[in-house]
């Protein structure tokens, strides 16, 4: 038997389905046709718009190779968040306060979003992705599994990323399953339509230009462009200093 802890102030739309334990804090608003799987916790004043599915378990088909981990089998959504229409949040997802998730976005199991993050429309976060504070990921983006994105990063529309350089054999189960997504350090900017290949690191404050294909690590505060991407210039000292001073940081500590 499921346990529901729904504050009297909560506003529920029509045809909301509750499939297990659910906690909705004060001021939460839920649109019509939302489905809650078991073990979902939603913080105060958050909104979940029409048609979204919260807590969906991953289900393997016979031809898939990646092991499925349900983790702690919970979804935690912090206070003052917005989950847009027709989003799908898998189980074992942790979302901090004041996060915006726009329409038609899918967030897979094991993902973690820090306070103030923004995820745009029709974007996919695959398994075990971490997103830092205030990072903005815009529309129609594919963030591959095991990617790590630090705070204050900006990712433009249509960016894609990959996490497996051995997919030729691994797709048939001829190698053990293993993934290694890119790491994007603080203040980096990824331009529209860029491609990030497995295991690379985009350094602090670096810029990957529109349409670039980053196949190697990008040093901090460096601008790269082209396919494959190559360094074309650096972020000027004045701009770098403005960004760091805005956050009260010492330039020597973020070289």
Protein backbone atom coordinates (compact mmCIF):
# COMPACT_ATOMS: atom_id res chain seq x y z
CA UNK A 1 0.00 0.00 0.00
CA UNK A 2 1.42 3.38 -1.02
CA UNK A 3 1.87 6.30 1.35
CA UNK A 4 1.03 9.79 0.09
CA UNK A 5 2.12 12.90 1.97
CA UNK A 6 0.40 15.67 0.01
CA UNK A 7 0.19 19.10 1.60
CA UNK A 8 -3.34 20.58 1.65
CA UNK A 9 -2.18 23.52 -0.49
CA UNK A 10 -1.08 21.28 -3.38
CA UNK A 11 -2.99 21.76 -6.64
CA UNK A 12 -3.49 18.59 -8.68
CA UNK A 13 -4.72 18.61 -12.28
CA UNK A 14 -7.05 16.01 -13.72
CA UNK A 15 -6.03 12.39 -14.32
CA UNK A 16 -2.89 12.46 -12.16
CA UNK A 17 -1.67 8.89 -11.61
CA UNK A 18 0.10 7.98 -8.36
CA UNK A 19 1.73 4.54 -8.52
CA UNK A 20 3.50 4.47 -5.15
CA UNK A 21 4.87 6.52 -2.26
CA UNK A 22 4.68 10.24 -3.03
CA UNK A 23 5.50 13.41 -1.11
CA UNK A 24 4.37 16.83 -2.40
CA UNK A 25 5.33 19.79 -0.23
CA UNK A 26 3.48 23.06 0.34
CA UNK A 27 2.55 25.03 -2.76
CA UNK A 28 3.33 22.36 -5.34
CA UNK A 29 1.31 22.49 -8.58
CA UNK A 30 0.83 19.42 -10.77
CA UNK A 31 -0.70 19.61 -14.25
CA UNK A 32 -3.09 17.16 -15.86
CA UNK A 33 -2.04 13.67 -16.97
CA UNK A 34 1.12 13.55 -14.86
CA UNK A 35 2.29 10.10 -13.73
CA UNK A 36 4.23 9.58 -10.49
CA UNK A 37 6.09 6.30 -10.08
CA UNK A 38 6.98 5.24 -6.49
CA UNK A 39 9.30 7.18 -4.19
CA UNK A 40 9.02 10.71 -5.56
CA UNK A 41 9.65 13.73 -3.30
CA UNK A 42 8.83 17.23 -4.58
CA UNK A 43 9.87 20.37 -2.66
CA UNK A 44 7.81 23.44 -1.85
CA UNK A 45 6.40 25.64 -4.62
CA UNK A 46 7.66 23.47 -7.46
CA UNK A 47 5.57 22.99 -10.61
CA UNK A 48 5.24 19.89 -12.76
CA UNK A 49 3.45 20.60 -16.00
CA UNK A 50 1.08 18.52 -18.07
CA UNK A 51 1.94 15.05 -19.30
CA UNK A 52 5.21 14.54 -17.44
CA UNK A 53 6.35 11.19 -16.06
CA UNK A 54 8.32 11.28 -12.81
CA UNK A 55 10.30 8.31 -11.50
CA UNK A 56 10.14 6.03 -14.55
CA UNK A 57 12.24 2.89 -14.03
CA UNK A 58 14.69 1.92 -16.80
CA UNK A 59 13.66 -1.25 -18.61
CA UNK A 60 16.08 -3.36 -20.61
CA UNK A 61 15.26 -5.06 -23.88
CA UNK A 62 16.97 -8.25 -24.95
CA UNK A 63 19.50 -6.54 -27.21
CA UNK A 64 20.80 -3.88 -24.81
CA UNK A 65 24.32 -4.17 -23.35
CA UNK A 66 24.40 -1.53 -20.61
CA UNK A 67 23.64 -2.87 -17.12
CA UNK A 68 20.68 -1.12 -15.51
CA UNK A 69 21.10 0.32 -12.03
CA UNK A 70 18.05 1.63 -10.19
CA UNK A 71 20.22 3.22 -7.48
CA UNK A 72 18.19 4.33 -4.48
CA UNK A 73 14.94 4.14 -6.53
CA UNK A 74 13.90 7.69 -5.66
CA UNK A 75 13.40 11.02 -7.39
CA UNK A 76 14.06 14.14 -5.33
CA UNK A 77 13.04 17.50 -6.76
CA UNK A 78 13.97 20.53 -4.68
CA UNK A 79 11.92 23.61 -3.88
CA UNK A 80 11.01 26.23 -6.51
CA UNK A 81 11.70 23.98 -9.50
CA UNK A 82 9.80 23.79 -12.78
CA UNK A 83 9.45 20.56 -14.76
CA UNK A 84 8.00 21.36 -18.18
CA UNK A 85 5.30 19.60 -20.15
CA UNK A 86 5.85 16.00 -21.31
CA UNK A 87 9.18 15.53 -19.57
CA UNK A 88 10.39 12.09 -18.46
CA UNK A 89 12.49 11.87 -15.29
CA UNK A 90 13.77 8.38 -14.53
CA UNK A 91 14.18 6.99 -11.04
CA UNK A 92 17.39 7.67 -9.05
CA UNK A 93 17.48 11.35 -10.09
CA UNK A 94 18.36 14.17 -7.70
CA UNK A 95 17.43 17.76 -8.56
CA UNK A 96 18.38 20.66 -6.28
CA UNK A 97 16.41 23.86 -5.71
CA UNK A 98 15.43 26.41 -8.35
CA UNK A 99 16.09 24.19 -11.36
CA UNK A 100 14.26 24.72 -14.67
CA UNK A 101 13.66 21.67 -16.88
CA UNK A 102 11.93 22.65 -20.10
CA UNK A 103 9.35 20.77 -22.19
CA UNK A 104 10.02 17.35 -23.74
CA UNK A 105 13.26 16.74 -21.85
CA UNK A 106 14.41 13.28 -20.72
CA UNK A 107 16.69 12.78 -17.70
CA UNK A 108 18.03 9.27 -17.17
CA UNK A 109 18.79 7.41 -13.95
CA UNK A 110 21.71 8.46 -11.78
CA UNK A 111 21.72 12.09 -12.94
CA UNK A 112 22.24 14.98 -10.54
CA UNK A 113 21.37 18.64 -11.16
CA UNK A 114 22.72 21.33 -8.85
CA UNK A 115 20.91 24.49 -7.74
CA UNK A 116 19.92 26.96 -10.45
CA UNK A 117 20.64 24.70 -13.42
CA UNK A 118 18.61 25.17 -16.61
CA UNK A 119 17.89 22.34 -19.06
CA UNK A 120 16.31 23.38 -22.38
CA UNK A 121 13.61 21.83 -24.53
CA UNK A 122 13.95 18.41 -26.16
CA UNK A 123 17.24 17.77 -24.40
CA UNK A 124 18.44 14.36 -23.19
CA UNK A 125 20.66 13.75 -20.19
CA UNK A 126 21.76 10.13 -20.30
CA UNK A 127 22.66 8.00 -17.27
CA UNK A 128 24.86 9.31 -14.42
CA UNK A 129 25.26 12.87 -15.69
CA UNK A 130 26.18 15.59 -13.20
CA UNK A 131 25.29 19.25 -13.84
CA UNK A 132 26.79 22.07 -11.75
CA UNK A 133 25.20 25.15 -10.25
CA UNK A 134 23.75 27.73 -12.65
CA UNK A 135 24.84 25.80 -15.72
CA UNK A 136 22.63 26.45 -18.75
CA UNK A 137 22.04 23.68 -21.25
CA UNK A 138 19.85 24.94 -24.09
CA UNK A 139 17.60 23.14 -26.60
CA UNK A 140 17.89 19.84 -28.48
CA UNK A 141 21.12 18.67 -26.84
CA UNK A 142 22.41 15.17 -26.17
CA UNK A 143 24.53 14.85 -23.03
CA UNK A 144 26.03 11.38 -23.01
CA UNK A 145 26.22 9.03 -20.03
CA UNK A 146 28.84 9.67 -17.34
CA UNK A 147 29.41 13.26 -18.48
CA UNK A 148 30.48 15.72 -15.80
CA UNK A 149 29.63 19.40 -16.25
CA UNK A 150 30.73 21.92 -13.64
CA UNK A 151 29.08 25.16 -12.52
CA UNK A 152 28.42 28.19 -14.74
CA UNK A 153 28.85 26.37 -18.06
CA UNK A 154 26.86 27.39 -21.15
CA UNK A 155 26.00 24.84 -23.87
CA UNK A 156 24.39 26.10 -27.08
CA UNK A 157 21.63 24.38 -29.09
CA UNK A 158 22.19 21.13 -30.92
CA UNK A 159 25.37 20.05 -29.14
CA UNK A 160 26.10 16.31 -29.12
CA UNK A 161 28.50 14.24 -27.04
CA UNK A 162 29.74 10.65 -26.99
CA UNK A 163 31.23 8.34 -24.35
CA UNK A 164 32.59 5.23 -26.09
CA UNK A 165 35.54 4.98 -28.46
CA UNK A 166 35.15 1.19 -28.63
CA UNK A 167 31.53 1.07 -29.77
CA UNK A 168 32.47 -1.04 -32.80
CA UNK A 169 32.98 -4.09 -30.55
CA UNK A 170 31.10 -3.06 -27.43
CA UNK A 171 27.74 -2.82 -29.22
CA UNK A 172 27.90 -6.60 -29.76
CA UNK A 173 28.95 -7.34 -26.18
CA UNK A 174 32.47 -8.27 -27.30
CA UNK A 175 34.00 -5.88 -24.74
CA UNK A 176 32.88 -5.23 -21.15
CA UNK A 177 30.48 -2.32 -20.91
CA UNK A 178 32.30 0.89 -19.98
CA UNK A 179 31.62 4.54 -20.76
CA UNK A 180 33.65 7.70 -20.34
CA UNK A 181 31.81 10.93 -21.05
CA UNK A 182 33.45 14.33 -21.47
CA UNK A 183 34.23 16.65 -18.56
CA UNK A 184 33.40 20.35 -18.96
CA UNK A 185 35.02 22.65 -16.43
CA UNK A 186 33.61 25.82 -14.91
CA UNK A 187 32.85 28.87 -17.13
CA UNK A 188 33.34 26.93 -20.37
CA UNK A 189 31.15 27.70 -23.39
CA UNK A 190 30.17 25.10 -25.98
CA UNK A 191 28.89 26.63 -29.23
CA UNK A 192 25.86 25.62 -31.27
CA UNK A 193 26.17 22.26 -32.99
CA UNK A 194 29.54 21.36 -31.49
CA UNK A 195 30.50 17.70 -30.96
CA UNK A 196 32.39 16.45 -27.89
CA UNK A 197 34.09 13.05 -28.16
CA UNK A 198 34.57 10.51 -25.33
CA UNK A 199 36.77 11.20 -22.33
CA UNK A 200 37.99 14.67 -23.25
CA UNK A 201 38.22 17.61 -20.87
CA UNK A 202 37.12 21.12 -21.77
CA UNK A 203 39.17 23.36 -19.49
CA UNK A 204 38.01 26.16 -17.24
CA UNK A 205 36.77 29.14 -19.26
CA UNK A 206 37.45 27.48 -22.61
CA UNK A 207 35.28 28.01 -25.70
CA UNK A 208 34.43 25.33 -28.26
CA UNK A 209 33.25 27.27 -31.30
CA UNK A 210 30.04 26.70 -33.24
CA UNK A 211 30.17 23.49 -35.25
CA UNK A 212 33.55 22.42 -33.88
CA UNK A 213 34.45 18.78 -33.21
CA UNK A 214 36.51 18.54 -30.04
CA UNK A 215 38.57 15.33 -30.16
CA UNK A 216 41.27 16.28 -27.63
CA UNK A 217 41.46 18.10 -24.31
CA UNK A 218 40.98 21.86 -24.57
CA UNK A 219 43.27 23.90 -22.29
CA UNK A 220 41.72 26.46 -19.90
CA UNK A 221 40.72 29.85 -21.36
CA UNK A 222 41.42 28.67 -24.92
CA UNK A 223 39.17 29.06 -27.97
CA UNK A 224 39.08 26.13 -30.39
CA UNK A 225 37.32 25.79 -33.75
CA UNK A 226 37.12 23.44 -36.71
CA UNK A 227 36.90 19.69 -37.24
CA UNK A 228 38.99 18.44 -35.62
CA UNK A 229 39.06 21.44 -33.29
CA UNK A 230 42.30 23.38 -33.00
CA UNK A 231 43.26 26.36 -30.87
CA UNK A 232 42.70 29.69 -32.62
CA UNK A 233 43.08 32.18 -29.76
CA UNK A 234 42.66 32.69 -26.03
CA UNK A 235 40.18 34.51 -23.82
CA UNK A 236 41.68 37.95 -23.24
CA UNK A 237 42.87 38.83 -19.75
CA UNK A 238 40.29 41.57 -19.21
CA UNK A 239 37.33 39.30 -20.00
CA UNK A 240 38.73 36.51 -17.86
CA UNK A 241 39.24 38.89 -14.95
CA UNK A 242 35.69 40.24 -15.23
CA UNK A 243 34.24 36.73 -14.99
CA UNK A 244 36.41 35.73 -12.05
CA UNK A 245 35.81 38.96 -10.13
CA UNK A 246 32.05 38.51 -10.61
CA UNK A 247 32.32 35.31 -8.58
CA UNK A 248 34.92 36.62 -6.14
CA UNK A 249 37.63 34.30 -7.44
CA UNK A 250 41.39 34.74 -7.57
CA UNK A 251 42.75 34.43 -11.15
CA UNK A 252 45.79 32.54 -9.86
CA UNK A 253 43.52 29.79 -8.51
CA UNK A 254 41.78 29.14 -11.85
CA UNK A 255 44.69 29.06 -14.26
